[in-house]
N, C-alpha and C. Protein backbone atom coordinates (compact mmCIF):
# COMPACT_ATOMS: atom_id res chain seq x y z
N MET A 1 0.85 -1.17 0.00
CA MET A 1 0.00 0.00 0.00
C MET A 1 0.90 1.24 0.00
N LYS A 2 0.58 2.18 -0.84
CA LYS A 2 1.36 3.41 -0.96
C LYS A 2 0.49 4.58 -0.53
N LEU A 3 1.05 5.44 0.30
CA LEU A 3 0.34 6.63 0.75
C LEU A 3 0.58 7.78 -0.22
N ASN A 4 -0.44 8.62 -0.40
CA ASN A 4 -0.23 9.82 -1.20
C ASN A 4 0.61 10.79 -0.36
N PRO A 5 1.22 11.79 -0.98
CA PRO A 5 2.12 12.70 -0.24
C PRO A 5 1.48 13.38 0.97
N THR A 6 0.21 13.76 0.87
CA THR A 6 -0.46 14.42 2.00
C THR A 6 -0.61 13.45 3.17
N ALA A 7 -1.05 12.24 2.87
CA ALA A 7 -1.23 11.23 3.92
C ALA A 7 0.13 10.87 4.53
N GLU A 8 1.14 10.72 3.69
CA GLU A 8 2.48 10.38 4.20
C GLU A 8 3.00 11.49 5.11
N ASN A 9 2.81 12.73 4.72
CA ASN A 9 3.24 13.86 5.54
C ASN A 9 2.54 13.82 6.90
N PHE A 10 1.24 13.55 6.90
CA PHE A 10 0.48 13.45 8.15
C PHE A 10 1.01 12.32 9.03
N VAL A 11 1.22 11.16 8.45
CA VAL A 11 1.69 10.00 9.22
C VAL A 11 3.07 10.27 9.81
N VAL A 12 3.97 10.83 9.03
CA VAL A 12 5.32 11.14 9.52
C VAL A 12 5.24 12.16 10.66
N HIS A 13 4.45 13.21 10.45
CA HIS A 13 4.33 14.23 11.49
C HIS A 13 3.71 13.66 12.76
N PHE A 14 2.69 12.84 12.61
CA PHE A 14 2.04 12.23 13.77
C PHE A 14 3.02 11.35 14.54
N GLY A 15 3.93 10.71 13.83
CA GLY A 15 4.97 9.92 14.49
C GLY A 15 5.88 10.81 15.33
N GLU A 16 6.25 11.96 14.77
CA GLU A 16 7.09 12.90 15.52
C GLU A 16 6.35 13.42 16.74
N MET A 17 5.07 13.72 16.59
CA MET A 17 4.28 14.23 17.71
C MET A 17 3.99 13.14 18.72
N GLY A 18 3.89 11.91 18.26
CA GLY A 18 3.60 10.80 19.16
C GLY A 18 4.55 10.72 20.33
N SER A 19 5.82 11.00 20.09
CA SER A 19 6.79 10.94 21.18
C SER A 19 6.51 12.01 22.23
N ARG A 20 5.86 13.07 21.86
CA ARG A 20 5.50 14.12 22.82
C ARG A 20 4.20 13.78 23.56
N TRP A 21 3.43 12.86 23.00
CA TRP A 21 2.14 12.49 23.58
C TRP A 21 2.20 11.19 24.37
N GLY A 22 3.38 10.60 24.48
CA GLY A 22 3.49 9.38 25.27
C GLY A 22 3.66 8.11 24.45
N PHE A 23 3.84 8.21 23.15
CA PHE A 23 4.06 7.04 22.28
C PHE A 23 5.44 7.15 21.66
N ASN A 24 5.96 6.05 21.15
CA ASN A 24 7.16 6.18 20.34
C ASN A 24 6.76 6.55 18.91
N ARG A 25 7.74 6.87 18.10
CA ARG A 25 7.49 7.36 16.74
C ARG A 25 6.67 6.37 15.92
N THR A 26 7.06 5.12 15.94
CA THR A 26 6.37 4.12 15.11
C THR A 26 4.93 3.93 15.56
N VAL A 27 4.70 3.90 16.86
CA VAL A 27 3.33 3.74 17.37
C VAL A 27 2.48 4.94 16.95
N GLY A 28 3.04 6.14 17.00
CA GLY A 28 2.33 7.32 16.54
C GLY A 28 1.98 7.23 15.06
N GLN A 29 2.93 6.74 14.27
CA GLN A 29 2.67 6.59 12.83
C GLN A 29 1.60 5.53 12.58
N MET A 30 1.64 4.45 13.35
CA MET A 30 0.64 3.40 13.18
C MET A 30 -0.76 3.94 13.50
N LEU A 31 -0.87 4.69 14.58
CA LEU A 31 -2.16 5.25 14.93
C LEU A 31 -2.65 6.20 13.84
N ALA A 32 -1.76 7.05 13.34
CA ALA A 32 -2.14 7.99 12.28
C ALA A 32 -2.62 7.24 11.04
N LEU A 33 -1.91 6.19 10.67
CA LEU A 33 -2.29 5.41 9.50
C LEU A 33 -3.68 4.82 9.68
N LEU A 34 -3.95 4.27 10.85
CA LEU A 34 -5.26 3.68 11.11
C LEU A 34 -6.36 4.74 11.15
N VAL A 35 -6.02 5.93 11.64
CA VAL A 35 -7.01 7.02 11.71
C VAL A 35 -7.44 7.44 10.31
N ILE A 36 -6.49 7.55 9.38
CA ILE A 36 -6.84 8.07 8.05
C ILE A 36 -7.23 7.00 7.05
N HIS A 37 -7.07 5.74 7.41
CA HIS A 37 -7.41 4.68 6.45
C HIS A 37 -8.87 4.28 6.64
N PRO A 38 -9.63 4.25 5.55
CA PRO A 38 -11.07 3.98 5.68
C PRO A 38 -11.42 2.54 6.06
N GLU A 39 -10.52 1.62 5.82
CA GLU A 39 -10.77 0.20 6.09
C GLU A 39 -9.78 -0.30 7.14
N PRO A 40 -10.17 -1.32 7.90
CA PRO A 40 -9.22 -1.92 8.85
C PRO A 40 -8.00 -2.47 8.11
N LEU A 41 -6.85 -2.44 8.77
CA LEU A 41 -5.60 -2.93 8.19
C LEU A 41 -5.05 -4.08 9.02
N ASN A 42 -4.36 -5.00 8.36
CA ASN A 42 -3.69 -6.06 9.11
C ASN A 42 -2.24 -5.65 9.36
N ALA A 43 -1.56 -6.40 10.18
CA ALA A 43 -0.19 -6.05 10.58
C ALA A 43 0.75 -5.99 9.38
N GLU A 44 0.57 -6.90 8.43
CA GLU A 44 1.44 -6.89 7.25
C GLU A 44 1.27 -5.61 6.44
N ASP A 45 0.02 -5.18 6.27
CA ASP A 45 -0.25 -3.93 5.54
C ASP A 45 0.42 -2.75 6.24
N ILE A 46 0.31 -2.72 7.56
CA ILE A 46 0.90 -1.62 8.33
C ILE A 46 2.42 -1.63 8.20
N ALA A 47 3.02 -2.81 8.36
CA ALA A 47 4.49 -2.94 8.27
C ALA A 47 4.98 -2.52 6.89
N GLU A 48 4.31 -2.96 5.86
CA GLU A 48 4.71 -2.63 4.49
C GLU A 48 4.58 -1.13 4.21
N THR A 49 3.48 -0.55 4.65
CA THR A 49 3.23 0.86 4.39
C THR A 49 4.22 1.75 5.11
N LEU A 50 4.52 1.40 6.36
CA LEU A 50 5.41 2.24 7.18
C LEU A 50 6.89 1.85 7.07
N HIS A 51 7.16 0.77 6.35
CA HIS A 51 8.54 0.29 6.17
C HIS A 51 9.19 -0.01 7.52
N VAL A 52 8.45 -0.75 8.36
CA VAL A 52 8.97 -1.20 9.65
C VAL A 52 8.78 -2.70 9.75
N SER A 53 9.46 -3.31 10.71
CA SER A 53 9.39 -4.76 10.84
C SER A 53 8.03 -5.21 11.36
N ARG A 54 7.69 -6.43 11.01
CA ARG A 54 6.42 -7.01 11.47
C ARG A 54 6.40 -7.11 13.00
N GLY A 55 7.56 -7.42 13.61
CA GLY A 55 7.65 -7.48 15.07
C GLY A 55 7.40 -6.13 15.71
N ASN A 56 7.94 -5.08 15.11
CA ASN A 56 7.72 -3.73 15.62
C ASN A 56 6.24 -3.38 15.54
N VAL A 57 5.59 -3.76 14.47
CA VAL A 57 4.15 -3.51 14.31
C VAL A 57 3.37 -4.28 15.36
N SER A 58 3.74 -5.52 15.59
CA SER A 58 3.04 -6.34 16.58
C SER A 58 3.12 -5.71 17.97
N MET A 59 4.31 -5.26 18.36
CA MET A 59 4.48 -4.62 19.66
C MET A 59 3.70 -3.30 19.71
N GLY A 60 3.73 -2.54 18.61
CA GLY A 60 3.02 -1.28 18.56
C GLY A 60 1.51 -1.46 18.66
N LEU A 61 1.00 -2.49 18.00
CA LEU A 61 -0.44 -2.75 18.07
C LEU A 61 -0.86 -3.15 19.49
N LYS A 62 -0.01 -3.92 20.16
CA LYS A 62 -0.29 -4.27 21.55
C LYS A 62 -0.33 -3.01 22.43
N GLU A 63 0.60 -2.08 22.19
CA GLU A 63 0.61 -0.84 22.95
C GLU A 63 -0.65 -0.02 22.67
N LEU A 64 -1.01 0.09 21.40
CA LEU A 64 -2.22 0.85 21.05
C LEU A 64 -3.47 0.20 21.64
N GLN A 65 -3.49 -1.11 21.72
CA GLN A 65 -4.61 -1.80 22.35
C GLN A 65 -4.62 -1.54 23.86
N SER A 66 -3.43 -1.50 24.48
CA SER A 66 -3.38 -1.23 25.92
C SER A 66 -3.84 0.19 26.23
N TRP A 67 -3.68 1.09 25.28
CA TRP A 67 -4.17 2.47 25.43
C TRP A 67 -5.65 2.56 25.05
N ARG A 68 -6.23 1.46 24.58
CA ARG A 68 -7.64 1.40 24.15
C ARG A 68 -7.91 2.29 22.94
N LEU A 69 -6.90 2.45 22.07
CA LEU A 69 -7.04 3.31 20.89
C LEU A 69 -7.37 2.53 19.62
N VAL A 70 -7.02 1.25 19.59
CA VAL A 70 -7.36 0.42 18.43
C VAL A 70 -8.02 -0.86 18.92
N ARG A 71 -8.75 -1.45 18.02
CA ARG A 71 -9.41 -2.72 18.33
C ARG A 71 -9.25 -3.67 17.16
N VAL A 72 -9.36 -4.95 17.48
CA VAL A 72 -9.27 -5.99 16.46
C VAL A 72 -10.62 -6.11 15.79
N GLN A 73 -10.58 -6.27 14.48
CA GLN A 73 -11.81 -6.48 13.72
C GLN A 73 -11.57 -7.67 12.79
N ARG A 74 -12.49 -8.55 12.74
CA ARG A 74 -12.39 -9.73 11.88
C ARG A 74 -12.95 -9.40 10.50
N VAL A 75 -12.31 -9.98 9.49
CA VAL A 75 -12.79 -9.87 8.11
C VAL A 75 -13.23 -11.26 7.69
N HIS A 76 -14.48 -11.37 7.28
CA HIS A 76 -15.06 -12.66 6.91
C HIS A 76 -14.19 -13.35 5.85
N GLY A 77 -13.84 -14.59 6.12
CA GLY A 77 -13.06 -15.38 5.17
C GLY A 77 -11.56 -15.20 5.29
N ASP A 78 -11.09 -14.38 6.22
CA ASP A 78 -9.65 -14.13 6.40
C ASP A 78 -9.28 -14.45 7.85
N ARG A 79 -8.21 -15.19 8.04
CA ARG A 79 -7.79 -15.58 9.39
C ARG A 79 -6.93 -14.52 10.07
N LYS A 80 -6.50 -13.52 9.34
CA LYS A 80 -5.66 -12.47 9.92
C LYS A 80 -6.49 -11.55 10.80
N ASP A 81 -5.80 -10.95 11.77
CA ASP A 81 -6.42 -9.90 12.57
C ASP A 81 -6.29 -8.58 11.82
N TYR A 82 -7.36 -7.82 11.81
CA TYR A 82 -7.36 -6.49 11.22
C TYR A 82 -7.60 -5.49 12.34
N PHE A 83 -7.06 -4.30 12.17
CA PHE A 83 -7.12 -3.29 13.22
C PHE A 83 -7.73 -2.01 12.71
N THR A 84 -8.50 -1.39 13.59
CA THR A 84 -9.13 -0.12 13.28
C THR A 84 -9.14 0.71 14.57
N VAL A 85 -9.32 2.01 14.43
CA VAL A 85 -9.37 2.87 15.62
C VAL A 85 -10.64 2.59 16.41
N SER A 86 -10.58 2.89 17.69
CA SER A 86 -11.68 2.55 18.61
C SER A 86 -12.72 3.64 18.76
N GLY A 87 -12.84 4.52 17.81
CA GLY A 87 -13.87 5.55 17.91
C GLY A 87 -13.53 6.74 17.05
N SER A 88 -14.29 7.80 17.27
CA SER A 88 -14.07 9.04 16.53
C SER A 88 -12.80 9.73 17.02
N ILE A 89 -12.41 10.76 16.34
CA ILE A 89 -11.25 11.56 16.76
C ILE A 89 -11.48 12.08 18.18
N TRP A 90 -12.67 12.54 18.47
CA TRP A 90 -12.98 13.07 19.80
C TRP A 90 -12.89 11.98 20.85
N GLU A 91 -13.40 10.81 20.55
CA GLU A 91 -13.33 9.69 21.50
C GLU A 91 -11.89 9.26 21.71
N LEU A 92 -11.08 9.26 20.65
CA LEU A 92 -9.67 8.91 20.80
C LEU A 92 -8.96 9.92 21.70
N ALA A 93 -9.25 11.20 21.51
CA ALA A 93 -8.64 12.23 22.35
C ALA A 93 -9.03 12.04 23.81
N GLN A 94 -10.29 11.75 24.07
CA GLN A 94 -10.74 11.51 25.44
C GLN A 94 -10.03 10.30 26.04
N THR A 95 -9.84 9.27 25.25
CA THR A 95 -9.16 8.07 25.73
C THR A 95 -7.71 8.37 26.06
N VAL A 96 -7.03 9.12 25.20
CA VAL A 96 -5.63 9.48 25.47
C VAL A 96 -5.53 10.29 26.75
N PHE A 97 -6.42 11.27 26.93
CA PHE A 97 -6.40 12.07 28.16
C PHE A 97 -6.61 11.19 29.39
N GLU A 98 -7.56 10.28 29.31
CA GLU A 98 -7.85 9.40 30.45
C GLU A 98 -6.67 8.48 30.75
N GLU A 99 -6.09 7.90 29.72
CA GLU A 99 -4.94 7.00 29.92
C GLU A 99 -3.73 7.75 30.47
N ARG A 100 -3.50 8.95 29.97
CA ARG A 100 -2.38 9.74 30.50
C ARG A 100 -2.62 10.10 31.95
N ARG A 101 -3.86 10.40 32.31
CA ARG A 101 -4.18 10.69 33.71
C ARG A 101 -3.82 9.48 34.58
N LYS A 102 -4.25 8.30 34.15
CA LYS A 102 -3.97 7.08 34.92
C LYS A 102 -2.48 6.79 35.01
N ARG A 103 -1.77 6.99 33.93
CA ARG A 103 -0.35 6.60 33.85
C ARG A 103 0.59 7.65 34.42
N GLU A 104 0.21 8.93 34.39
CA GLU A 104 1.13 9.99 34.78
C GLU A 104 0.66 10.79 35.99
N ILE A 105 -0.58 11.21 35.98
CA ILE A 105 -1.07 12.09 37.04
C ILE A 105 -1.34 11.31 38.33
N GLU A 106 -2.02 10.18 38.23
CA GLU A 106 -2.36 9.41 39.44
C GLU A 106 -1.13 9.01 40.25
N PRO A 107 -0.05 8.51 39.61
CA PRO A 107 1.14 8.20 40.42
C PRO A 107 1.73 9.44 41.10
N THR A 108 1.69 10.58 40.42
CA THR A 108 2.20 11.81 41.01
C THR A 108 1.34 12.22 42.20
N LEU A 109 0.03 12.11 42.06
CA LEU A 109 -0.86 12.42 43.18
C LEU A 109 -0.56 11.51 44.38
N SER A 110 -0.31 10.24 44.12
CA SER A 110 -0.01 9.30 45.20
C SER A 110 1.28 9.68 45.93
N VAL A 111 2.30 10.05 45.17
CA VAL A 111 3.58 10.46 45.78
C VAL A 111 3.38 11.72 46.62
N LEU A 112 2.68 12.69 46.08
CA LEU A 112 2.44 13.93 46.82
C LEU A 112 1.66 13.67 48.11
N ARG A 113 0.60 12.88 48.02
CA ARG A 113 -0.19 12.57 49.21
C ARG A 113 0.66 11.86 50.26
N SER A 114 1.46 10.93 49.81
CA SER A 114 2.34 10.19 50.73
C SER A 114 3.35 11.12 51.40
N ASN A 115 3.95 12.01 50.61
CA ASN A 115 4.95 12.94 51.15
C ASN A 115 4.35 13.92 52.15
N LEU A 116 3.06 14.18 52.03
CA LEU A 116 2.43 15.15 52.92
C LEU A 116 1.93 14.53 54.23
N LEU A 117 2.08 13.23 54.37
CA LEU A 117 1.65 12.57 55.61
C LEU A 117 2.60 12.84 56.77
N ASP A 118 3.88 13.05 56.47
CA ASP A 118 4.88 13.27 57.53
C ASP A 118 4.83 14.71 58.02
N GLU A 119 5.04 14.86 59.30
CA GLU A 119 5.11 16.19 59.92
C GLU A 119 6.47 16.80 59.56
N PRO A 120 6.50 18.05 59.10
CA PRO A 120 7.79 18.67 58.76
C PRO A 120 8.65 18.84 60.02
N LYS A 121 9.97 18.64 59.84
CA LYS A 121 10.90 18.73 60.97
C LYS A 121 11.71 20.02 60.96
N SER A 122 11.53 20.82 59.93
CA SER A 122 12.27 22.09 59.85
C SER A 122 11.46 23.06 58.99
N ASP A 123 11.91 24.30 59.00
CA ASP A 123 11.26 25.31 58.16
C ASP A 123 11.40 24.96 56.68
N GLU A 124 12.55 24.40 56.31
CA GLU A 124 12.76 24.02 54.91
C GLU A 124 11.80 22.92 54.51
N GLU A 125 11.61 21.93 55.39
CA GLU A 125 10.65 20.85 55.10
C GLU A 125 9.23 21.39 55.04
N ALA A 126 8.91 22.34 55.95
CA ALA A 126 7.57 22.94 55.94
C ALA A 126 7.33 23.68 54.63
N PHE A 127 8.35 24.41 54.17
CA PHE A 127 8.22 25.12 52.89
C PHE A 127 8.03 24.13 51.75
N ALA A 128 8.84 23.07 51.73
CA ALA A 128 8.74 22.07 50.67
C ALA A 128 7.35 21.42 50.69
N GLN A 129 6.85 21.11 51.89
CA GLN A 129 5.53 20.49 51.98
C GLN A 129 4.43 21.46 51.53
N GLN A 130 4.60 22.73 51.83
CA GLN A 130 3.59 23.70 51.38
C GLN A 130 3.57 23.75 49.85
N GLN A 131 4.75 23.74 49.24
CA GLN A 131 4.82 23.75 47.77
C GLN A 131 4.18 22.47 47.21
N MET A 132 4.48 21.33 47.84
CA MET A 132 3.88 20.07 47.38
C MET A 132 2.37 20.08 47.59
N SER A 133 1.91 20.69 48.68
CA SER A 133 0.48 20.79 48.94
C SER A 133 -0.20 21.65 47.88
N ASP A 134 0.44 22.75 47.52
CA ASP A 134 -0.10 23.61 46.46
C ASP A 134 -0.17 22.86 45.13
N LEU A 135 0.88 22.09 44.84
CA LEU A 135 0.89 21.30 43.61
C LEU A 135 -0.20 20.23 43.66
N LEU A 136 -0.36 19.59 44.80
CA LEU A 136 -1.41 18.58 44.95
C LEU A 136 -2.79 19.20 44.69
N THR A 137 -3.04 20.36 45.27
CA THR A 137 -4.32 21.04 45.08
C THR A 137 -4.54 21.35 43.60
N LEU A 138 -3.51 21.88 42.95
CA LEU A 138 -3.61 22.20 41.52
C LEU A 138 -3.92 20.95 40.71
N LEU A 139 -3.16 19.87 40.93
CA LEU A 139 -3.36 18.64 40.16
C LEU A 139 -4.72 18.02 40.44
N GLU A 140 -5.18 18.08 41.68
CA GLU A 140 -6.50 17.54 41.98
C GLU A 140 -7.59 18.34 41.28
N GLN A 141 -7.45 19.67 41.28
CA GLN A 141 -8.45 20.50 40.60
C GLN A 141 -8.42 20.25 39.09
N LEU A 142 -7.22 20.17 38.52
CA LEU A 142 -7.12 19.89 37.09
C LEU A 142 -7.67 18.51 36.75
N THR A 143 -7.40 17.53 37.60
CA THR A 143 -7.89 16.18 37.38
C THR A 143 -9.42 16.14 37.45
N ASN A 144 -9.98 16.82 38.45
CA ASN A 144 -11.44 16.87 38.56
C ASN A 144 -12.06 17.55 37.35
N TRP A 145 -11.45 18.65 36.91
CA TRP A 145 -11.95 19.35 35.73
C TRP A 145 -11.83 18.46 34.49
N ALA A 146 -10.68 17.81 34.33
CA ALA A 146 -10.48 16.93 33.17
C ALA A 146 -11.48 15.78 33.19
N GLN A 147 -11.79 15.26 34.38
CA GLN A 147 -12.77 14.18 34.48
C GLN A 147 -14.15 14.67 34.05
N GLN A 148 -14.50 15.88 34.45
CA GLN A 148 -15.77 16.45 34.02
C GLN A 148 -15.80 16.61 32.49
N LEU A 149 -14.69 17.07 31.92
CA LEU A 149 -14.61 17.19 30.46
C LEU A 149 -14.73 15.83 29.80
N ASN A 150 -14.08 14.83 30.38
CA ASN A 150 -14.09 13.49 29.80
C ASN A 150 -15.49 12.87 29.87
N ASN A 151 -16.33 13.33 30.78
CA ASN A 151 -17.69 12.82 30.89
C ASN A 151 -18.63 13.44 29.86
N LEU A 152 -18.18 14.51 29.21
CA LEU A 152 -19.00 15.15 28.18
C LEU A 152 -19.02 14.31 26.93
N SER A 153 -20.09 14.39 26.20
CA SER A 153 -20.14 13.72 24.90
C SER A 153 -19.23 14.49 23.94
N PRO A 154 -18.80 13.86 22.86
CA PRO A 154 -17.99 14.60 21.88
C PRO A 154 -18.67 15.88 21.40
N GLY A 155 -19.98 15.86 21.21
CA GLY A 155 -20.70 17.06 20.78
C GLY A 155 -20.67 18.15 21.83
N GLN A 156 -20.85 17.77 23.09
CA GLN A 156 -20.79 18.75 24.18
C GLN A 156 -19.39 19.33 24.30
N LEU A 157 -18.37 18.48 24.15
CA LEU A 157 -16.99 18.94 24.24
C LEU A 157 -16.68 19.91 23.10
N GLN A 158 -17.14 19.61 21.91
CA GLN A 158 -16.95 20.54 20.79
C GLN A 158 -17.61 21.87 21.08
N GLY A 159 -18.82 21.83 21.62
CA GLY A 159 -19.52 23.07 21.96
C GLY A 159 -18.76 23.88 22.99
N LEU A 160 -18.23 23.22 24.00
CA LEU A 160 -17.46 23.91 25.03
C LEU A 160 -16.21 24.54 24.42
N LEU A 161 -15.51 23.81 23.58
CA LEU A 161 -14.30 24.34 22.96
C LEU A 161 -14.60 25.52 22.05
N LYS A 162 -15.75 25.52 21.43
CA LYS A 162 -16.13 26.64 20.56
C LYS A 162 -16.36 27.92 21.35
N LEU A 163 -16.69 27.75 22.64
CA LEU A 163 -16.86 28.95 23.48
C LEU A 163 -15.55 29.72 23.61
N GLY A 164 -14.44 28.99 23.62
CA GLY A 164 -13.11 29.60 23.64
C GLY A 164 -12.96 30.70 24.67
N SER A 165 -12.53 31.85 24.20
CA SER A 165 -12.25 32.97 25.10
C SER A 165 -13.52 33.50 25.74
N GLY A 166 -14.67 33.11 25.25
CA GLY A 166 -15.92 33.54 25.86
C GLY A 166 -16.03 33.11 27.31
N VAL A 167 -15.44 31.98 27.66
CA VAL A 167 -15.46 31.51 29.04
C VAL A 167 -14.72 32.50 29.94
N GLY A 168 -13.58 32.99 29.48
CA GLY A 168 -12.83 33.98 30.25
C GLY A 168 -13.63 35.26 30.45
N LYS A 169 -14.36 35.67 29.44
CA LYS A 169 -15.18 36.88 29.55
C LYS A 169 -16.30 36.68 30.57
N VAL A 170 -16.90 35.50 30.57
CA VAL A 170 -17.95 35.21 31.55
C VAL A 170 -17.38 35.24 32.96
N LEU A 171 -16.19 34.66 33.15
CA LEU A 171 -15.56 34.67 34.47
C LEU A 171 -15.20 36.09 34.90
N ASP A 172 -14.71 36.91 33.97
CA ASP A 172 -14.42 38.32 34.29
C ASP A 172 -15.69 39.04 34.71
N LEU A 173 -16.78 38.80 33.99
CA LEU A 173 -18.05 39.44 34.33
C LEU A 173 -18.51 38.99 35.72
N LYS A 174 -18.40 37.71 36.00
CA LYS A 174 -18.78 37.19 37.31
C LYS A 174 -17.97 37.87 38.40
N ASP A 175 -16.65 38.01 38.18
CA ASP A 175 -15.80 38.66 39.18
C ASP A 175 -16.20 40.12 39.39
N ARG A 176 -16.55 40.82 38.32
CA ARG A 176 -16.97 42.22 38.45
C ARG A 176 -18.29 42.34 39.20
N ILE A 177 -19.19 41.39 38.93
CA ILE A 177 -20.50 41.43 39.58
C ILE A 177 -20.38 41.20 41.09
N ILE A 178 -19.53 40.24 41.48
CA ILE A 178 -19.42 39.95 42.92
C ILE A 178 -18.30 40.74 43.58
N GLY A 179 -17.61 41.60 42.81
CA GLY A 179 -16.64 42.53 43.38
C GLY A 179 -15.28 41.94 43.67
N GLN A 180 -14.93 40.87 43.00
CA GLN A 180 -13.60 40.29 43.20
C GLN A 180 -12.66 40.80 42.13
N SER A 181 -11.40 40.88 42.50
CA SER A 181 -10.38 41.25 41.50
C SER A 181 -9.68 39.99 41.04
N LYS A 182 -9.05 40.08 39.89
CA LYS A 182 -8.29 38.95 39.36
C LYS A 182 -7.09 38.66 40.24
N PRO A 183 -6.77 37.37 40.47
CA PRO A 183 -5.56 37.05 41.21
C PRO A 183 -4.33 37.37 40.37
N ASP A 184 -3.25 37.74 41.03
CA ASP A 184 -2.02 38.07 40.31
C ASP A 184 -1.37 36.86 39.73
């Protein structure tokens, strides 16, 4: 299978971005290929298209399945496994956010909570714990907000994102009405 230049550019770029999103380059390219391909692909098709080894594709597909981003689909009359994305672009984004929360944020929250159990023994420890407490509060608030966003349907999420800077204007108006000033 040969990609047209636009599709190839997208797949290559998605591979580069994948490393910033928690995937390696090949896994990012595999996900991009599956996103833009209208039909499910088998591992051989993926390996041939991306010019990577079949073993690399197999490991990458397992990783994408562990992230819940791709699923196996059977093709009648064929014994091979075929793979397709596990939902719309919006659903994939929600899944990535949720998986990153579980893999990155939750362990950090656990460490912070554990570190805050001990009574500080010096002013330096008290300062460090206060900073960790502030970080814990921030991460808990962000996590709660992200969970609320993740509970929205893709249509609701799109509507919220379309509000854009309008949300800031509403918050400014609320602050003016109740007489609060913006925090520095």
